[in-house]
Amino acid sequence: MTAGRPIGSVVRQNIIEILYFMKKGYGYEVHKAYIELFPKVSQRLIYYHLRKGVLTGEFIVKSVKEKGEYSWGETAEKKYYENGAGAKPKVSSDVKTYFEKKKKQK
């Protein structure tokens, strides 16, 4: 038996499920989907688990600079996350149904 806390996290596994169907998304998008599907958590916790997942190989981060008119200038940097090699989605039927309904609304 190893000492210390287990590596996995329920929140991070839920994020893996969400990103499995989203393919890629930035933190705020993931948070919006998360609070509609699972018990409410803070946006800060979502960002923590996204960063932690990058370290464990569960997520891959890609930075994209988007042009537009913002109060701070002409560009904004968005970090898009997607599942990495360490992610093991369980393909939750609830999450699948949520994204199917969302796709039909568009």
Protein backbone atom coordinates (compact mmCIF):
# COMPACT_ATOMS: atom_id res chain seq x y z
CA MET A 1 0.00 0.00 0.00
CA THR A 2 1.37 3.40 -0.96
CA ALA A 3 1.38 6.38 1.34
CA GLY A 4 -0.39 9.62 0.53
CA ARG A 5 -3.52 10.63 -1.27
CA PRO A 6 -4.78 8.83 -4.36
CA ILE A 7 -3.98 10.55 -7.65
CA GLY A 8 -7.50 10.57 -9.14
CA SER A 9 -10.28 13.08 -8.56
CA VAL A 10 -14.04 12.90 -9.11
CA VAL A 11 -14.08 16.50 -10.37
CA ARG A 12 -11.24 15.85 -12.82
CA GLN A 13 -12.94 12.68 -14.07
CA ASN A 14 -16.13 14.70 -14.68
CA ILE A 15 -14.09 17.26 -16.65
CA ILE A 16 -12.64 14.40 -18.72
CA GLU A 17 -16.21 13.29 -19.51
CA ILE A 18 -17.17 16.84 -20.56
CA LEU A 19 -14.09 17.30 -22.76
CA TYR A 20 -14.68 13.91 -24.37
CA PHE A 21 -17.87 15.29 -25.92
CA MET A 22 -16.71 18.90 -26.37
CA LYS A 23 -13.43 17.77 -28.02
CA LYS A 24 -11.83 21.03 -26.81
CA GLY A 25 -12.90 23.92 -24.65
CA TYR A 26 -11.63 26.73 -22.51
CA GLY A 27 -12.09 26.91 -18.74
CA TYR A 28 -15.26 28.99 -18.66
CA GLU A 29 -17.03 26.72 -21.18
CA VAL A 30 -16.06 23.66 -19.16
CA HIS A 31 -17.33 25.32 -15.97
CA LYS A 32 -20.69 26.22 -17.53
CA ALA A 33 -21.24 22.64 -18.67
CA TYR A 34 -20.01 21.26 -15.33
CA ILE A 35 -22.48 23.21 -13.17
CA GLU A 36 -25.38 22.13 -15.39
CA LEU A 37 -24.41 18.45 -15.16
CA PHE A 38 -22.88 17.92 -11.73
CA PRO A 39 -23.06 19.41 -8.22
CA LYS A 40 -22.02 23.05 -8.21
CA VAL A 41 -18.32 23.80 -7.81
CA SER A 42 -16.39 27.05 -8.07
CA GLN A 43 -14.77 28.19 -11.28
CA ARG A 44 -11.50 28.31 -9.39
CA LEU A 45 -11.74 24.56 -8.67
CA ILE A 46 -12.31 23.82 -12.37
CA TYR A 47 -9.20 25.81 -13.32
CA TYR A 48 -7.21 24.05 -10.57
CA HIS A 49 -8.17 20.63 -11.93
CA LEU A 50 -7.45 21.68 -15.52
CA ARG A 51 -3.93 22.75 -14.49
CA LYS A 52 -3.45 19.61 -12.38
CA GLY A 53 -4.68 17.46 -15.28
CA VAL A 54 -2.07 19.03 -17.57
CA LEU A 55 0.63 18.00 -15.08
CA THR A 56 -0.70 14.42 -14.88
CA GLY A 57 -1.08 14.08 -18.65
CA GLU A 58 -4.88 13.91 -18.58
CA PHE A 59 -5.27 17.20 -20.47
CA ILE A 60 -3.40 19.01 -23.21
CA VAL A 61 -3.42 22.80 -23.28
CA LYS A 62 -3.19 24.90 -26.44
CA SER A 63 -2.95 28.68 -26.27
CA VAL A 64 -4.63 30.69 -28.99
CA LYS A 65 -4.47 34.44 -29.43
CA GLU A 66 -7.77 35.86 -30.64
CA LYS A 67 -8.11 39.29 -32.16
CA GLY A 68 -10.94 41.56 -31.22
CA GLU A 69 -11.77 44.78 -29.45
CA TYR A 70 -11.17 44.37 -25.73
CA SER A 71 -10.83 46.97 -23.00
CA TRP A 72 -7.18 45.97 -22.52
CA GLY A 73 -6.18 45.88 -26.19
CA GLU A 74 -6.69 44.10 -29.48
CA THR A 75 -5.81 40.50 -28.54
CA ALA A 76 -6.86 38.01 -25.91
CA GLU A 77 -5.14 34.73 -25.14
CA LYS A 78 -7.41 31.74 -24.59
CA LYS A 79 -6.19 28.42 -23.31
CA TYR A 80 -8.07 25.55 -24.90
CA TYR A 81 -7.99 22.20 -23.15
CA GLU A 82 -8.55 18.76 -24.62
CA ASN A 83 -8.16 15.23 -23.30
CA GLY A 84 -4.62 13.90 -23.33
CA ALA A 85 -3.19 10.40 -23.39
CA GLY A 86 -3.71 9.93 -19.64
CA ALA A 87 -7.46 10.65 -19.80
CA LYS A 88 -9.72 7.64 -19.49
CA PRO A 89 -13.31 8.71 -20.26
CA LYS A 90 -16.08 6.42 -19.03
CA VAL A 91 -18.57 7.94 -21.54
CA SER A 92 -21.31 8.93 -19.12
CA SER A 93 -24.81 8.69 -20.58
CA ASP A 94 -25.91 11.86 -18.73
CA VAL A 95 -23.12 13.91 -20.27
CA LYS A 96 -23.78 12.41 -23.71
CA THR A 97 -27.49 13.30 -23.47
CA TYR A 98 -26.64 16.86 -22.36
CA PHE A 99 -24.40 17.50 -25.38
CA GLU A 100 -26.86 15.86 -27.80
CA LYS A 101 -29.61 18.21 -26.57
CA LYS A 102 -27.27 21.17 -26.82
CA LYS A 103 -26.35 20.24 -30.40
CA LYS A 104 -30.04 20.05 -31.38
CA GLN A 105 -30.70 23.54 -29.95
CA LYS A 106 -28.13 25.11 -32.29
